[in-house]
Amino acid sequence: MVYLPWLVILLIPYWLASVSRGCDGARADGAGRGRQVAPPRFLEKGFYLFRSDQHFGIAGHPDRVALFPRSDHCEILRLMGTNGWNYDIGPDSVIAWLRTVERDHPFVVAGMGFDWVEGRFRSAIGDADALVRRFYAFCLDIVEQGTETVAALARELAESQRLYCWWD
């Protein structure tokens, strides 16, 4: 992937303008990492803007964003090589799982990298417990290294409406 620092600097105001909006463009009810979504103005032109590198504010390093000349997040996930190889999960498996989830719970991908993907569900999740079981079966680290219990993950998912997987 090629980063164009000058282009990223020019796009930051557009990215930041979308931070406080939900996936449908409506105001979100609070700030949060998972609320950042690909701004529709880019998607309409065939480009996908997303977080491509996370630093979580550690040592003052900012996150990075990338702009791909594609509008399909699955195609970009494949190009980025997003995977969980340490669990024998390749990019095609990540994409297949996300497509299955997306059929029942539409979402927008807001970030992706080598071993992680994040997004925001477009509407309230009706049965967070059932969805969390699917998440945990596919991505153990979100519980094992994250929330520590499936119940805690269900609460977090119901509150945040955030899709997040990573494989360490």
N, C-alpha and C. Protein backbone atom coordinates (compact mmCIF):
# COMPACT_ATOMS: atom_id res chain seq x y z
N MET A 1 0.85 -1.17 0.00
CA MET A 1 0.00 0.00 0.00
C MET A 1 0.90 1.24 0.00
N VAL A 2 0.51 2.22 -0.73
CA VAL A 2 1.27 3.45 -0.82
C VAL A 2 0.57 4.51 0.01
N TYR A 3 1.29 5.11 0.94
CA TYR A 3 0.76 6.21 1.73
C TYR A 3 1.19 7.51 1.07
N LEU A 4 0.29 8.39 0.91
CA LEU A 4 0.59 9.70 0.38
C LEU A 4 0.37 10.70 1.49
N PRO A 5 1.42 11.04 2.26
CA PRO A 5 1.24 11.90 3.43
C PRO A 5 0.52 13.20 3.12
N TRP A 6 0.84 13.83 2.00
CA TRP A 6 0.18 15.09 1.68
C TRP A 6 -1.31 14.89 1.43
N LEU A 7 -1.68 13.76 0.84
CA LEU A 7 -3.09 13.47 0.59
C LEU A 7 -3.81 13.20 1.90
N VAL A 8 -3.16 12.47 2.79
CA VAL A 8 -3.75 12.19 4.09
C VAL A 8 -3.99 13.49 4.85
N ILE A 9 -3.02 14.39 4.81
CA ILE A 9 -3.18 15.67 5.50
C ILE A 9 -4.36 16.43 4.92
N LEU A 10 -4.51 16.40 3.62
CA LEU A 10 -5.65 17.08 3.00
C LEU A 10 -6.98 16.44 3.36
N LEU A 11 -6.98 15.12 3.60
CA LEU A 11 -8.22 14.41 3.88
C LEU A 11 -8.62 14.41 5.33
N ILE A 12 -7.71 14.73 6.23
CA ILE A 12 -8.01 14.68 7.65
C ILE A 12 -9.26 15.49 8.01
N PRO A 13 -9.45 16.71 7.51
CA PRO A 13 -10.67 17.44 7.87
C PRO A 13 -11.95 16.68 7.47
N TYR A 14 -11.92 16.00 6.33
CA TYR A 14 -13.09 15.23 5.91
C TYR A 14 -13.30 14.03 6.83
N TRP A 15 -12.20 13.40 7.20
CA TRP A 15 -12.27 12.24 8.11
C TRP A 15 -12.81 12.69 9.45
N LEU A 16 -12.26 13.78 9.99
CA LEU A 16 -12.69 14.24 11.30
C LEU A 16 -14.15 14.68 11.29
N ALA A 17 -14.62 15.22 10.17
CA ALA A 17 -16.01 15.62 10.07
C ALA A 17 -16.94 14.43 10.21
N SER A 18 -16.46 13.23 9.89
CA SER A 18 -17.31 12.05 9.97
C SER A 18 -17.24 11.36 11.32
N VAL A 19 -16.29 11.75 12.16
CA VAL A 19 -16.08 11.05 13.43
C VAL A 19 -17.32 11.06 14.30
N SER A 20 -18.02 12.16 14.35
CA SER A 20 -19.16 12.24 15.27
C SER A 20 -20.47 11.81 14.61
N ARG A 21 -20.39 11.15 13.49
CA ARG A 21 -21.59 10.71 12.81
C ARG A 21 -21.66 9.19 12.78
N GLY A 22 -22.87 8.69 12.79
CA GLY A 22 -23.08 7.25 12.67
C GLY A 22 -22.91 6.84 11.21
N CYS A 23 -23.07 5.58 10.93
CA CYS A 23 -22.88 5.08 9.57
C CYS A 23 -23.86 5.67 8.58
N ASP A 24 -25.03 6.05 9.04
CA ASP A 24 -26.03 6.60 8.14
C ASP A 24 -25.90 8.11 8.01
N GLY A 25 -24.86 8.68 8.63
CA GLY A 25 -24.63 10.12 8.56
C GLY A 25 -25.31 10.88 9.69
N ALA A 26 -26.15 10.22 10.49
CA ALA A 26 -26.82 10.88 11.60
C ALA A 26 -25.84 11.08 12.74
N ARG A 27 -26.10 12.07 13.58
CA ARG A 27 -25.23 12.31 14.73
C ARG A 27 -25.22 11.09 15.63
N ALA A 28 -24.04 10.73 16.08
CA ALA A 28 -23.91 9.62 17.02
C ALA A 28 -24.19 10.14 18.42
N ASP A 29 -24.48 9.25 19.34
CA ASP A 29 -24.82 9.68 20.69
C ASP A 29 -23.59 9.65 21.60
N GLY A 30 -22.48 10.07 21.11
CA GLY A 30 -21.26 10.13 21.91
C GLY A 30 -20.06 9.81 21.04
N ALA A 31 -18.90 10.11 21.57
CA ALA A 31 -17.68 9.86 20.81
C ALA A 31 -17.22 8.43 21.05
N GLY A 32 -16.43 7.92 20.16
CA GLY A 32 -15.87 6.58 20.33
C GLY A 32 -15.11 6.17 19.09
N ARG A 33 -14.08 5.36 19.26
CA ARG A 33 -13.25 4.92 18.14
C ARG A 33 -14.09 4.24 17.07
N GLY A 34 -15.01 3.38 17.49
CA GLY A 34 -15.79 2.61 16.53
C GLY A 34 -16.78 3.44 15.75
N ARG A 35 -16.95 4.71 16.10
CA ARG A 35 -17.92 5.55 15.41
C ARG A 35 -17.35 6.17 14.15
N GLN A 36 -16.07 5.99 13.90
CA GLN A 36 -15.48 6.55 12.71
C GLN A 36 -15.78 5.64 11.53
N VAL A 37 -16.31 6.20 10.49
CA VAL A 37 -16.70 5.41 9.33
C VAL A 37 -16.22 6.08 8.05
N ALA A 38 -16.20 5.31 6.99
CA ALA A 38 -15.80 5.85 5.69
C ALA A 38 -16.81 6.90 5.26
N PRO A 39 -16.39 8.13 5.10
CA PRO A 39 -17.32 9.19 4.72
C PRO A 39 -17.98 8.91 3.38
N PRO A 40 -19.30 9.05 3.31
CA PRO A 40 -20.03 8.78 2.06
C PRO A 40 -19.50 9.58 0.87
N ARG A 41 -18.99 10.78 1.10
CA ARG A 41 -18.51 11.61 -0.02
C ARG A 41 -17.38 10.92 -0.78
N PHE A 42 -16.59 10.08 -0.09
CA PHE A 42 -15.53 9.34 -0.76
C PHE A 42 -16.08 8.10 -1.44
N LEU A 43 -16.96 7.37 -0.74
CA LEU A 43 -17.54 6.16 -1.30
C LEU A 43 -18.29 6.45 -2.59
N GLU A 44 -18.98 7.56 -2.63
CA GLU A 44 -19.73 7.95 -3.84
C GLU A 44 -18.81 8.15 -5.04
N LYS A 45 -17.56 8.46 -4.78
CA LYS A 45 -16.58 8.67 -5.85
C LYS A 45 -15.71 7.43 -6.08
N GLY A 46 -16.05 6.32 -5.40
CA GLY A 46 -15.31 5.08 -5.59
C GLY A 46 -14.06 4.93 -4.75
N PHE A 47 -13.96 5.71 -3.67
CA PHE A 47 -12.80 5.64 -2.78
C PHE A 47 -13.23 5.24 -1.38
N TYR A 48 -12.36 4.52 -0.69
CA TYR A 48 -12.65 4.09 0.68
C TYR A 48 -11.59 4.67 1.60
N LEU A 49 -12.01 5.49 2.54
CA LEU A 49 -11.13 6.10 3.52
C LEU A 49 -11.30 5.35 4.83
N PHE A 50 -10.20 4.91 5.43
CA PHE A 50 -10.30 4.11 6.65
C PHE A 50 -9.02 4.24 7.47
N ARG A 51 -9.13 3.88 8.74
CA ARG A 51 -7.95 3.83 9.61
C ARG A 51 -7.14 2.60 9.19
N SER A 52 -5.86 2.80 8.92
CA SER A 52 -5.02 1.70 8.44
C SER A 52 -3.92 1.32 9.43
N ASP A 53 -3.73 2.13 10.44
CA ASP A 53 -2.71 1.83 11.44
C ASP A 53 -3.16 2.44 12.75
N GLN A 54 -3.08 1.65 13.82
CA GLN A 54 -3.53 2.10 15.14
C GLN A 54 -2.34 2.24 16.08
N HIS A 55 -2.31 3.33 16.80
CA HIS A 55 -1.26 3.51 17.81
C HIS A 55 -1.85 3.76 19.18
N PHE A 56 -3.16 3.93 19.25
CA PHE A 56 -3.88 4.10 20.51
C PHE A 56 -3.33 5.25 21.34
N GLY A 57 -2.73 6.24 20.70
CA GLY A 57 -2.20 7.39 21.41
C GLY A 57 -0.91 7.12 22.16
N ILE A 58 -0.35 5.93 22.00
CA ILE A 58 0.86 5.56 22.71
C ILE A 58 2.05 6.38 22.19
N ALA A 59 2.77 6.96 23.11
CA ALA A 59 3.95 7.78 22.81
C ALA A 59 3.63 8.92 21.85
N GLY A 60 2.39 9.35 21.85
CA GLY A 60 2.00 10.47 21.01
C GLY A 60 1.91 10.17 19.53
N HIS A 61 2.03 8.90 19.14
CA HIS A 61 1.94 8.54 17.72
C HIS A 61 0.49 8.55 17.27
N PRO A 62 0.19 9.26 16.21
CA PRO A 62 -1.19 9.28 15.70
C PRO A 62 -1.52 8.02 14.91
N ASP A 63 -2.79 7.72 14.83
CA ASP A 63 -3.23 6.66 13.92
C ASP A 63 -3.01 7.15 12.49
N ARG A 64 -2.98 6.23 11.55
CA ARG A 64 -2.86 6.60 10.14
C ARG A 64 -4.16 6.25 9.43
N VAL A 65 -4.45 7.00 8.41
CA VAL A 65 -5.59 6.68 7.57
C VAL A 65 -5.08 6.40 6.16
N ALA A 66 -5.87 5.64 5.41
CA ALA A 66 -5.51 5.32 4.04
C ALA A 66 -6.73 5.58 3.16
N LEU A 67 -6.47 5.86 1.92
CA LEU A 67 -7.52 6.08 0.93
C LEU A 67 -7.25 5.13 -0.23
N PHE A 68 -8.17 4.22 -0.45
CA PHE A 68 -8.02 3.25 -1.54
C PHE A 68 -8.97 3.60 -2.67
N PRO A 69 -8.54 3.43 -3.92
CA PRO A 69 -9.43 3.68 -5.06
C PRO A 69 -10.34 2.47 -5.29
N ARG A 70 -11.08 2.12 -4.27
CA ARG A 70 -12.04 1.01 -4.30
C ARG A 70 -13.18 1.40 -3.39
N SER A 71 -14.35 0.80 -3.59
CA SER A 71 -15.47 1.07 -2.69
C SER A 71 -15.91 -0.17 -1.92
N ASP A 72 -15.33 -1.31 -2.22
CA ASP A 72 -15.71 -2.57 -1.57
C ASP A 72 -14.71 -2.90 -0.47
N HIS A 73 -15.18 -2.87 0.78
CA HIS A 73 -14.26 -3.12 1.89
C HIS A 73 -13.68 -4.54 1.84
N CYS A 74 -14.40 -5.50 1.29
CA CYS A 74 -13.87 -6.87 1.20
C CYS A 74 -12.68 -6.94 0.25
N GLU A 75 -12.76 -6.22 -0.83
CA GLU A 75 -11.64 -6.18 -1.77
C GLU A 75 -10.41 -5.55 -1.11
N ILE A 76 -10.64 -4.52 -0.32
CA ILE A 76 -9.52 -3.86 0.37
C ILE A 76 -8.95 -4.76 1.45
N LEU A 77 -9.81 -5.46 2.18
CA LEU A 77 -9.33 -6.41 3.19
C LEU A 77 -8.41 -7.45 2.55
N ARG A 78 -8.79 -7.91 1.37
CA ARG A 78 -7.96 -8.89 0.66
C ARG A 78 -6.62 -8.25 0.25
N LEU A 79 -6.67 -7.03 -0.28
CA LEU A 79 -5.44 -6.34 -0.68
C LEU A 79 -4.54 -6.03 0.51
N MET A 80 -5.15 -5.71 1.66
CA MET A 80 -4.38 -5.42 2.88
C MET A 80 -3.82 -6.70 3.49
N GLY A 81 -4.42 -7.84 3.13
CA GLY A 81 -3.96 -9.11 3.69
C GLY A 81 -4.42 -9.33 5.11
N THR A 82 -5.51 -8.70 5.52
CA THR A 82 -6.02 -8.84 6.89
C THR A 82 -6.22 -10.31 7.23
N ASN A 83 -5.61 -10.73 8.34
CA ASN A 83 -5.62 -12.15 8.65
C ASN A 83 -5.47 -12.43 10.13
N GLY A 84 -5.68 -13.68 10.47
CA GLY A 84 -5.40 -14.22 11.79
C GLY A 84 -4.58 -15.48 11.60
N TRP A 85 -3.47 -15.37 10.89
CA TRP A 85 -2.68 -16.56 10.52
C TRP A 85 -2.29 -17.39 11.73
N ASN A 86 -2.09 -16.75 12.88
CA ASN A 86 -1.70 -17.54 14.06
C ASN A 86 -2.85 -18.44 14.53
N TYR A 87 -4.03 -18.27 13.97
CA TYR A 87 -5.18 -19.16 14.22
C TYR A 87 -5.61 -19.85 12.93
N ASP A 88 -4.73 -19.87 11.93
CA ASP A 88 -5.03 -20.46 10.62
C ASP A 88 -6.22 -19.80 9.94
N ILE A 89 -6.32 -18.48 10.10
CA ILE A 89 -7.39 -17.70 9.48
C ILE A 89 -6.75 -16.75 8.47
N GLY A 90 -6.98 -17.00 7.20
CA GLY A 90 -6.43 -16.17 6.15
C GLY A 90 -7.40 -15.07 5.74
N PRO A 91 -6.96 -14.18 4.86
CA PRO A 91 -7.82 -13.09 4.39
C PRO A 91 -9.17 -13.56 3.84
N ASP A 92 -9.19 -14.64 3.07
CA ASP A 92 -10.45 -15.12 2.52
C ASP A 92 -11.41 -15.58 3.62
N SER A 93 -10.86 -16.16 4.68
CA SER A 93 -11.70 -16.58 5.82
C SER A 93 -12.26 -15.37 6.56
N VAL A 94 -11.44 -14.33 6.72
CA VAL A 94 -11.91 -13.10 7.36
C VAL A 94 -13.06 -12.51 6.55
N ILE A 95 -12.87 -12.44 5.25
CA ILE A 95 -13.88 -11.86 4.36
C ILE A 95 -15.16 -12.70 4.39
N ALA A 96 -15.04 -14.01 4.32
CA ALA A 96 -16.22 -14.88 4.34
C ALA A 96 -16.99 -14.71 5.64
N TRP A 97 -16.27 -14.64 6.77
CA TRP A 97 -16.94 -14.48 8.06
C TRP A 97 -17.64 -13.13 8.13
N LEU A 98 -16.96 -12.07 7.71
CA LEU A 98 -17.58 -10.74 7.74
C LEU A 98 -18.82 -10.68 6.86
N ARG A 99 -18.76 -11.30 5.69
CA ARG A 99 -19.94 -11.30 4.80
C ARG A 99 -21.11 -12.02 5.45
N THR A 100 -20.83 -13.10 6.17
CA THR A 100 -21.89 -13.83 6.87
C THR A 100 -22.51 -12.97 7.95
N VAL A 101 -21.67 -12.30 8.74
CA VAL A 101 -22.18 -11.40 9.79
C VAL A 101 -22.97 -10.26 9.17
N GLU A 102 -22.45 -9.72 8.07
CA GLU A 102 -23.07 -8.55 7.43
C GLU A 102 -24.47 -8.84 6.91
N ARG A 103 -24.74 -10.08 6.53
CA ARG A 103 -26.09 -10.43 6.06
C ARG A 103 -27.13 -10.22 7.14
N ASP A 104 -26.77 -10.56 8.38
CA ASP A 104 -27.71 -10.42 9.50
C ASP A 104 -27.59 -9.09 10.22
N HIS A 105 -26.39 -8.53 10.21
CA HIS A 105 -26.10 -7.29 10.96
C HIS A 105 -25.26 -6.37 10.09
N PRO A 106 -25.88 -5.59 9.20
CA PRO A 106 -25.11 -4.71 8.32
C PRO A 106 -24.19 -3.77 9.11
N PHE A 107 -23.01 -3.54 8.57
CA PHE A 107 -22.02 -2.68 9.22
C PHE A 107 -21.21 -1.95 8.17
N VAL A 108 -20.45 -0.98 8.63
CA VAL A 108 -19.50 -0.26 7.79
C VAL A 108 -18.12 -0.48 8.40
N VAL A 109 -17.16 -0.87 7.59
CA VAL A 109 -15.80 -1.05 8.05
C VAL A 109 -15.14 0.32 8.13
N ALA A 110 -14.57 0.62 9.30
CA ALA A 110 -13.94 1.92 9.53
C ALA A 110 -12.42 1.81 9.62
N GLY A 111 -11.93 0.59 9.79
CA GLY A 111 -10.49 0.41 9.89
C GLY A 111 -10.10 -1.02 9.61
N MET A 112 -8.90 -1.20 9.09
CA MET A 112 -8.39 -2.55 8.84
C MET A 112 -6.89 -2.47 8.70
N GLY A 113 -6.26 -3.56 9.11
CA GLY A 113 -4.82 -3.65 9.02
C GLY A 113 -4.42 -5.11 8.87
N PHE A 114 -3.16 -5.39 9.11
CA PHE A 114 -2.61 -6.73 8.91
C PHE A 114 -3.37 -7.79 9.70
N ASP A 115 -3.67 -7.50 10.97
CA ASP A 115 -4.30 -8.51 11.82
C ASP A 115 -5.49 -7.97 12.62
N TRP A 116 -6.20 -7.00 12.06
CA TRP A 116 -7.36 -6.44 12.75
C TRP A 116 -8.33 -5.81 11.75
N VAL A 117 -9.56 -5.70 12.20
CA VAL A 117 -10.61 -5.03 11.43
C VAL A 117 -11.59 -4.42 12.42
N GLU A 118 -12.08 -3.22 12.11
CA GLU A 118 -13.04 -2.56 12.98
C GLU A 118 -14.14 -1.92 12.14
N GLY A 119 -15.27 -1.74 12.76
CA GLY A 119 -16.38 -1.10 12.08
C GLY A 119 -17.49 -0.74 13.04
N ARG A 120 -18.60 -0.36 12.49
CA ARG A 120 -19.75 0.06 13.27
C ARG A 120 -20.99 -0.52 12.63
N PHE A 121 -21.83 -1.14 13.45
CA PHE A 121 -23.08 -1.69 12.96
C PHE A 121 -24.03 -0.57 12.61
N ARG A 122 -24.77 -0.75 11.53
CA ARG A 122 -25.67 0.29 11.03
C ARG A 122 -26.92 0.47 11.87
N SER A 123 -27.29 -0.56 12.63
CA SER A 123 -28.48 -0.47 13.48
C SER A 123 -28.25 -1.25 14.76
N ALA A 124 -29.13 -1.05 15.71
CA ALA A 124 -29.01 -1.72 17.01
C ALA A 124 -29.00 -3.24 16.83
N ILE A 125 -28.17 -3.89 17.61
CA ILE A 125 -28.07 -5.34 17.57
C ILE A 125 -29.13 -5.92 18.49
N GLY A 126 -30.00 -6.74 17.92
CA GLY A 126 -31.10 -7.30 18.70
C GLY A 126 -30.66 -8.32 19.73
N ASP A 127 -29.85 -9.27 19.35
CA ASP A 127 -29.41 -10.33 20.25
C ASP A 127 -27.89 -10.32 20.32
N ALA A 128 -27.38 -9.44 21.19
CA ALA A 128 -25.93 -9.29 21.32
C ALA A 128 -25.28 -10.59 21.79
N ASP A 129 -25.95 -11.35 22.64
CA ASP A 129 -25.37 -12.60 23.15
C ASP A 129 -25.08 -13.58 22.02
N ALA A 130 -26.03 -13.73 21.09
CA ALA A 130 -25.84 -14.64 19.96
C ALA A 130 -24.71 -14.16 19.06
N LEU A 131 -24.67 -12.87 18.79
CA LEU A 131 -23.62 -12.33 17.94
C LEU A 131 -22.25 -12.48 18.59
N VAL A 132 -22.18 -12.26 19.89
CA VAL A 132 -20.92 -12.39 20.61
C VAL A 132 -20.40 -13.83 20.54
N ARG A 133 -21.27 -14.80 20.60
CA ARG A 133 -20.83 -16.19 20.47
C ARG A 133 -20.18 -16.42 19.10
N ARG A 134 -20.73 -15.80 18.07
CA ARG A 134 -20.13 -15.90 16.73
C ARG A 134 -18.76 -15.22 16.71
N PHE A 135 -18.68 -14.04 17.32
CA PHE A 135 -17.41 -13.32 17.40
C PHE A 135 -16.36 -14.15 18.12
N TYR A 136 -16.72 -14.68 19.27
CA TYR A 136 -15.76 -15.42 20.10
C TYR A 136 -15.28 -16.68 19.40
N ALA A 137 -16.17 -17.36 18.68
CA ALA A 137 -15.77 -18.57 17.95
C ALA A 137 -14.77 -18.24 16.84
N PHE A 138 -14.87 -17.04 16.27
CA PHE A 138 -14.01 -16.64 15.16
C PHE A 138 -12.74 -15.91 15.61
N CYS A 139 -12.86 -15.17 16.71
CA CYS A 139 -11.76 -14.31 17.15
C CYS A 139 -11.62 -14.38 18.66
N LEU A 140 -10.89 -15.36 19.13
CA LEU A 140 -10.72 -15.59 20.57
C LEU A 140 -10.11 -14.41 21.30
N ASP A 141 -9.21 -13.70 20.65
CA ASP A 141 -8.47 -12.64 21.33
C ASP A 141 -9.35 -11.50 21.84
N ILE A 142 -10.51 -11.28 21.25
CA ILE A 142 -11.35 -10.18 21.73
C ILE A 142 -11.86 -10.45 23.14
N VAL A 143 -11.91 -11.71 23.53
CA VAL A 143 -12.27 -12.06 24.91
C VAL A 143 -11.01 -12.38 25.71
N GLU A 144 -10.19 -13.28 25.19
CA GLU A 144 -9.02 -13.77 25.92
C GLU A 144 -8.04 -12.64 26.28
N GLN A 145 -7.85 -11.67 25.38
CA GLN A 145 -6.94 -10.56 25.64
C GLN A 145 -7.67 -9.23 25.75
N GLY A 146 -8.98 -9.27 25.67
CA GLY A 146 -9.77 -8.04 25.69
C GLY A 146 -10.69 -7.96 26.89
N THR A 147 -11.96 -8.29 26.66
CA THR A 147 -12.97 -8.11 27.70
C THR A 147 -12.89 -9.14 28.82
N GLU A 148 -12.20 -10.23 28.62
CA GLU A 148 -11.97 -11.31 29.58
C GLU A 148 -13.14 -12.28 29.76
N THR A 149 -14.37 -11.83 29.48
CA THR A 149 -15.51 -12.75 29.54
C THR A 149 -16.44 -12.49 28.35
N VAL A 150 -17.16 -13.51 27.96
CA VAL A 150 -18.12 -13.38 26.86
C VAL A 150 -19.24 -12.42 27.29
N ALA A 151 -19.65 -12.49 28.55
CA ALA A 151 -20.71 -11.61 29.04
C ALA A 151 -20.28 -10.14 28.95
N ALA A 152 -19.03 -9.86 29.31
CA ALA A 152 -18.52 -8.48 29.22
C ALA A 152 -18.48 -8.02 27.76
N LEU A 153 -18.11 -8.92 26.86
CA LEU A 153 -18.10 -8.56 25.44
C LEU A 153 -19.51 -8.27 24.95
N ALA A 154 -20.49 -9.05 25.39
CA ALA A 154 -21.89 -8.81 25.00
C ALA A 154 -22.35 -7.44 25.47
N ARG A 155 -22.01 -7.07 26.69
CA ARG A 155 -22.38 -5.74 27.20
C ARG A 155 -21.72 -4.64 26.37
N GLU A 156 -20.43 -4.81 26.09
CA GLU A 156 -19.70 -3.81 25.31
C GLU A 156 -20.27 -3.68 23.91
N LEU A 157 -20.58 -4.80 23.28
CA LEU A 157 -21.13 -4.79 21.93
C LEU A 157 -22.49 -4.11 21.90
N ALA A 158 -23.35 -4.42 22.88
CA ALA A 158 -24.68 -3.82 22.93
C ALA A 158 -24.59 -2.31 23.12
N GLU A 159 -23.63 -1.85 23.92
CA GLU A 159 -23.47 -0.42 24.19
C GLU A 159 -22.79 0.32 23.04
N SER A 160 -21.74 -0.27 22.49
CA SER A 160 -20.92 0.45 21.50
C SER A 160 -21.38 0.27 20.06
N GLN A 161 -22.05 -0.87 19.76
CA GLN A 161 -22.42 -1.20 18.38
C GLN A 161 -21.20 -1.28 17.49
N ARG A 162 -20.08 -1.64 18.09
CA ARG A 162 -18.79 -1.64 17.40
C ARG A 162 -18.37 -3.05 17.03
N LEU A 163 -17.93 -3.22 15.82
CA LEU A 163 -17.35 -4.47 15.34
C LEU A 163 -15.84 -4.31 15.48
N TYR A 164 -15.21 -5.27 16.16
CA TYR A 164 -13.76 -5.21 16.28
C TYR A 164 -13.21 -6.62 16.45
N CYS A 165 -12.25 -6.98 15.61
CA CYS A 165 -11.56 -8.25 15.74
C CYS A 165 -10.07 -8.00 15.57
N TRP A 166 -9.27 -8.71 16.35
CA TRP A 166 -7.83 -8.71 16.12
C TRP A 166 -7.28 -10.06 16.56
N TRP A 167 -6.21 -10.42 15.91
CA TRP A 167 -5.57 -11.70 16.17
C TRP A 167 -4.11 -11.43 16.49
N ASP A 168 -3.70 -11.69 17.72
CA ASP A 168 -2.30 -11.52 18.13
C ASP A 168 -1.51 -12.78 17.87
